[in-house]
C-alpha atoms as a PDB file:
ATOM      1  CA  MET A   1      18.228  -7.264   8.931  1.00  0.00           C
ATOM      2  CA  ALA A   2      18.272  -7.905  12.725  1.00  0.00           C
ATOM      3  CA  GLU A   3      16.681 -10.914  14.362  1.00  0.00           C
ATOM      4  CA  LEU A   4      13.263  -9.832  15.964  1.00  0.00           C
ATOM      5  CA  ASP A   5      12.931 -10.452  19.733  1.00  0.00           C
ATOM      6  CA  ASP A   6       9.782 -11.068  21.814  1.00  0.00           C
ATOM      7  CA  LEU A   7       9.339  -7.168  22.368  1.00  0.00           C
ATOM      8  CA  ASP A   8       9.755  -6.503  18.518  1.00  0.00           C
ATOM      9  CA  ARG A   9       7.152  -9.124  17.970  1.00  0.00           C
ATOM     10  CA  ARG A  10       4.671  -7.739  20.525  1.00  0.00           C
ATOM     11  CA  LEU A  11       5.243  -4.216  19.091  1.00  0.00           C
ATOM     12  CA  ILE A  12       4.641  -5.281  15.574  1.00  0.00           C
ATOM     13  CA  SER A  13       1.393  -7.092  16.831  1.00  0.00           C
ATOM     14  CA  ALA A  14       0.180  -4.004  18.522  1.00  0.00           C
ATOM     15  CA  LEU A  15       0.714  -1.936  15.502  1.00  0.00           C
ATOM     16  CA  ARG A  16      -1.165  -4.343  13.459  1.00  0.00           C
ATOM     17  CA  GLU A  17      -4.034  -3.860  15.804  1.00  0.00           C
ATOM     18  CA  ASP A  18      -3.839  -0.122  15.623  1.00  0.00           C
ATOM     19  CA  GLY A  19      -1.122   1.264  13.496  1.00  0.00           C
ATOM     20  CA  ARG A  20      -1.936   4.869  14.703  1.00  0.00           C
ATOM     21  CA  ALA A  21      -1.603   4.033  18.260  1.00  0.00           C
ATOM     22  CA  PRO A  22       0.427   6.888  20.183  1.00  0.00           C
ATOM     23  CA  VAL A  23       3.831   5.911  21.433  1.00  0.00           C
ATOM     24  CA  ALA A  24       2.587   6.290  25.075  1.00  0.00           C
ATOM     25  CA  ALA A  25      -0.257   3.817  24.587  1.00  0.00           C
ATOM     26  CA  LEU A  26       2.059   1.287  22.950  1.00  0.00           C
ATOM     27  CA  ALA A  27       4.410   1.472  25.955  1.00  0.00           C
ATOM     28  CA  ARG A  28       1.786   0.981  28.445  1.00  0.00           C
ATOM     29  CA  LYS A  29       0.420  -1.948  26.501  1.00  0.00           C
ATOM     30  CA  LEU A  30       3.795  -3.544  26.294  1.00  0.00           C
ATOM     31  CA  GLY A  31       4.973  -2.467  29.785  1.00  0.00           C
ATOM     32  CA  VAL A  32       8.057  -0.544  28.576  1.00  0.00           C
ATOM     33  CA  ALA A  33       9.239   3.177  28.332  1.00  0.00           C
ATOM     34  CA  ARG A  34       8.246   5.228  25.606  1.00  0.00           C
ATOM     35  CA  ALA A  35      11.864   5.905  24.731  1.00  0.00           C
ATOM     36  CA  THR A  36      12.226   1.997  24.348  1.00  0.00           C
ATOM     37  CA  VAL A  37       9.191   2.081  21.878  1.00  0.00           C
ATOM     38  CA  ASN A  38      10.460   5.061  19.916  1.00  0.00           C
ATOM     39  CA  SER A  39      14.044   3.423  19.579  1.00  0.00           C
ATOM     40  CA  ARG A  40      12.439  -0.069  18.632  1.00  0.00           C
ATOM     41  CA  LEU A  41      10.199   1.569  15.982  1.00  0.00           C
ATOM     42  CA  GLU A  42      13.243   3.493  14.535  1.00  0.00           C
ATOM     43  CA  ARG A  43      15.233   0.227  14.510  1.00  0.00           C
ATOM     44  CA  LEU A  44      12.357  -1.870  12.857  1.00  0.00           C
ATOM     45  CA  VAL A  45      11.912   0.781  10.163  1.00  0.00           C
ATOM     46  CA  SER A  46      15.568   1.399   9.612  1.00  0.00           C
ATOM     47  CA  SER A  47      16.374  -2.263   9.089  1.00  0.00           C
ATOM     48  CA  GLY A  48      13.609  -2.909   6.727  1.00  0.00           C
ATOM     49  CA  ALA A  49      11.823  -5.190   9.208  1.00  0.00           C
ATOM     50  CA  VAL A  50       8.749  -2.832   8.988  1.00  0.00           C
ATOM     51  CA  VAL A  51       8.335  -1.425   5.523  1.00  0.00           C
ATOM     52  CA  GLY A  52       5.594   0.870   5.929  1.00  0.00           C
ATOM     53  CA  PHE A  53       2.060   1.821   7.499  1.00  0.00           C
ATOM     54  CA  SER A  54      -1.273   1.549   5.832  1.00  0.00           C
ATOM     55  CA  VAL A  55      -4.921   2.349   6.371  1.00  0.00           C
ATOM     56  CA  ARG A  56      -7.443  -0.491   6.464  1.00  0.00           C
ATOM     57  CA  VAL A  57     -10.762   0.485   5.054  1.00  0.00           C
ATOM     58  CA  ARG A  58     -14.148  -0.995   6.250  1.00  0.00           C
ATOM     59  CA  ASP A  59     -14.868  -3.700   3.813  1.00  0.00           C
ATOM     60  CA  GLU A  60     -18.461  -2.317   3.165  1.00  0.00           C
ATOM     61  CA  LEU A  61     -17.087   1.168   2.197  1.00  0.00           C
ATOM     62  CA  ASP A  62     -14.080  -0.132   0.152  1.00  0.00           C
ATOM     63  CA  PRO A  63     -14.754   0.447  -3.519  1.00  0.00           C
ATOM     64  CA  LEU A  64     -12.988  -2.709  -4.348  1.00  0.00           C
ATOM     65  CA  THR A  65     -15.485  -4.683  -2.365  1.00  0.00           C
ATOM     66  CA  ILE A  66     -15.080  -8.044  -4.263  1.00  0.00           C
ATOM     67  CA  ARG A  67     -12.300  -9.956  -2.851  1.00  0.00           C
ATOM     68  CA  ALA A  68     -11.036 -13.425  -3.764  1.00  0.00           C
ATOM     69  CA  VAL A  69      -8.384 -15.970  -3.237  1.00  0.00           C
ATOM     70  CA  SER A  70      -7.018 -17.683  -6.533  1.00  0.00           C
ATOM     71  CA  LEU A  71      -4.878 -20.869  -6.381  1.00  0.00           C
ATOM     72  CA  ILE A  72      -2.873 -21.044  -9.528  1.00  0.00           C
ATOM     73  CA  ALA A  73      -0.933 -24.205 -11.027  1.00  0.00           C
ATOM     74  CA  VAL A  74       2.017 -23.568 -13.198  1.00  0.00           C
ATOM     75  CA  GLU A  75       3.616 -25.644 -15.715  1.00  0.00           C
ATOM     76  CA  GLY A  76       7.174 -26.891 -15.165  1.00  0.00           C
ATOM     77  CA  ARG A  77       9.784 -24.345 -14.509  1.00  0.00           C
ATOM     78  CA  SER A  78       7.750 -21.151 -15.780  1.00  0.00           C
ATOM     79  CA  THR A  79       6.629 -19.924 -12.369  1.00  0.00           C
ATOM     80  CA  ASP A  80       9.189 -16.998 -12.510  1.00  0.00           C
ATOM     81  CA  LYS A  81       7.741 -15.943 -15.922  1.00  0.00           C
ATOM     82  CA  VAL A  82       4.174 -16.229 -14.660  1.00  0.00           C
ATOM     83  CA  ILE A  83       5.047 -14.118 -11.484  1.00  0.00           C
ATOM     84  CA  ARG A  84       6.276 -11.392 -13.649  1.00  0.00           C
ATOM     85  CA  GLN A  85       3.244 -11.093 -15.536  1.00  0.00           C
ATOM     86  CA  LEU A  86       0.923 -11.403 -12.485  1.00  0.00           C
ATOM     87  CA  ARG A  87       2.982  -8.458 -10.756  1.00  0.00           C
ATOM     88  CA  GLY A  88       1.461  -6.228 -13.368  1.00  0.00           C
ATOM     89  CA  PHE A  89      -2.244  -6.900 -12.657  1.00  0.00           C
ATOM     90  CA  PRO A  90      -3.437  -4.046 -10.540  1.00  0.00           C
ATOM     91  CA  GLU A  91      -6.291  -6.345  -9.262  1.00  0.00           C
ATOM     92  CA  ILE A  92      -3.692  -8.610  -7.426  1.00  0.00           C
ATOM     93  CA  SER A  93      -3.159  -7.126  -3.978  1.00  0.00           C
ATOM     94  CA  ALA A  94      -0.898  -9.952  -2.939  1.00  0.00           C
ATOM     95  CA  LEU A  95       0.852 -13.050  -4.389  1.00  0.00           C
ATOM     96  CA  HIS A  96       2.406 -15.778  -2.649  1.00  0.00           C
ATOM     97  CA  THR A  97       4.434 -18.878  -3.554  1.00  0.00           C
ATOM     98  CA  THR A  98       3.184 -21.936  -1.886  1.00  0.00           C
ATOM     99  CA  ASN A  99       3.696 -25.654  -1.621  1.00  0.00           C
ATOM    100  CA  GLY A 100       1.238 -28.571  -2.142  1.00  0.00           C
ATOM    101  CA  GLY A 101      -1.001 -28.850  -4.955  1.00  0.00           C
ATOM    102  CA  TRP A 102      -0.790 -25.129  -6.150  1.00  0.00           C
ATOM    103  CA  ASP A 103       2.240 -23.220  -6.961  1.00  0.00           C
ATOM    104  CA  LEU A 104       0.808 -19.524  -6.366  1.00  0.00           C
ATOM    105  CA  VAL A 105      -2.013 -17.789  -4.368  1.00  0.00           C
ATOM    106  CA  ALA A 106      -3.289 -14.705  -5.605  1.00  0.00           C
ATOM    107  CA  GLU A 107      -5.379 -12.307  -3.391  1.00  0.00           C
ATOM    108  CA  LEU A 108      -7.741 -10.378  -5.756  1.00  0.00           C
ATOM    109  CA  ARG A 109      -9.850  -7.086  -5.254  1.00  0.00           C
ATOM    110  CA  VAL A 110     -12.225  -5.936  -7.892  1.00  0.00           C
ATOM    111  CA  GLU A 111     -15.027  -3.336  -8.154  1.00  0.00           C
ATOM    112  CA  ASP A 112     -17.714  -5.526  -9.723  1.00  0.00           C
ATOM    113  CA  LEU A 113     -18.479  -9.237 -11.238  1.00  0.00           C
ATOM    114  CA  PRO A 114     -17.518  -8.200 -14.843  1.00  0.00           C
ATOM    115  CA  ALA A 115     -14.064  -7.134 -13.587  1.00  0.00           C
ATOM    116  CA  PHE A 116     -13.852 -10.213 -11.456  1.00  0.00           C
ATOM    117  CA  ASP A 117     -14.512 -12.435 -14.773  1.00  0.00           C
ATOM    118  CA  ALA A 118     -12.144 -10.328 -16.710  1.00  0.00           C
ATOM    119  CA  VAL A 119      -9.228 -10.899 -14.298  1.00  0.00           C
ATOM    120  CA  LEU A 120      -9.769 -14.507 -14.078  1.00  0.00           C
ATOM    121  CA  GLY A 121      -9.679 -14.858 -17.903  1.00  0.00           C
ATOM    122  CA  ARG A 122      -6.720 -12.650 -17.987  1.00  0.00           C
ATOM    123  CA  ILE A 123      -5.008 -15.020 -15.237  1.00  0.00           C
ATOM    124  CA  ARG A 124      -5.977 -18.128 -17.048  1.00  0.00           C
ATOM    125  CA  SER A 125      -4.608 -17.030 -20.271  1.00  0.00           C
ATOM    126  CA  ILE A 126      -0.972 -16.469 -19.207  1.00  0.00           C
ATOM    127  CA  ASP A 127       1.399 -18.997 -20.913  1.00  0.00           C
ATOM    128  CA  GLY A 128       2.470 -21.264 -18.272  1.00  0.00           C
ATOM    129  CA  VAL A 129      -0.635 -21.319 -16.121  1.00  0.00           C
ATOM    130  CA  VAL A 130      -2.307 -24.599 -16.431  1.00  0.00           C
ATOM    131  CA  ASN A 131      -4.929 -24.615 -13.857  1.00  0.00           C
ATOM    132  CA  SER A 132      -6.718 -22.320 -11.217  1.00  0.00           C
ATOM    133  CA  GLU A 133      -9.304 -22.401  -8.576  1.00  0.00           C
ATOM    134  CA  THR A 134     -10.861 -19.186  -7.223  1.00  0.00           C
ATOM    135  CA  SER A 135     -13.018 -18.494  -4.218  1.00  0.00           C
ATOM    136  CA  LEU A 136     -14.859 -15.432  -3.306  1.00  0.00           C
ATOM    137  CA  LEU A 137     -14.114 -14.304   0.080  1.00  0.00           C
ATOM    138  CA  LEU A 138     -17.743 -13.306   1.535  1.00  0.00           C
ATOM    139  CA  SER A 139     -16.870 -12.000   5.129  1.00  0.00           C
ATOM    140  CA  SER A 140     -13.643 -11.491   7.283  1.00  0.00           C
ATOM    141  CA  VAL A 141     -14.207 -12.908  10.807  1.00  0.00           C
ATOM    142  CA  LEU A 142     -10.380 -12.283  11.841  1.00  0.00           C
ATOM    143  CA  ARG A 143      -7.753 -10.236  10.197  1.00  0.00           C
END
């Protein structure tokens, strides 16, 4: 994968704001030619730096309206085993390793509180999970 330069980073930032922006609008915003934007996009996708484009749904219209962040502590060297099990949870939209007091951070999305309760129970019952702390996300002020 090629190193990203300033133009690549600015292009990715613009696409994060509006992934459907026309190439001409991106070119104007970045102060470059449309052909430059096209070739950069092709290179970013073919190199794997950009792995896809997605839609963002307004939170209040999303059927998976309950969102949370779960901090997970793992016993000893069982992190890989715990990660393999957590990858199978459809309620986990993202999973991160981290440093500090917690080993993993899971982003959760569920339909309702009973589903939220159930997924927390399933996470806590995984062999190797020794502690967890979960916080509901009430509103997003920046994404």
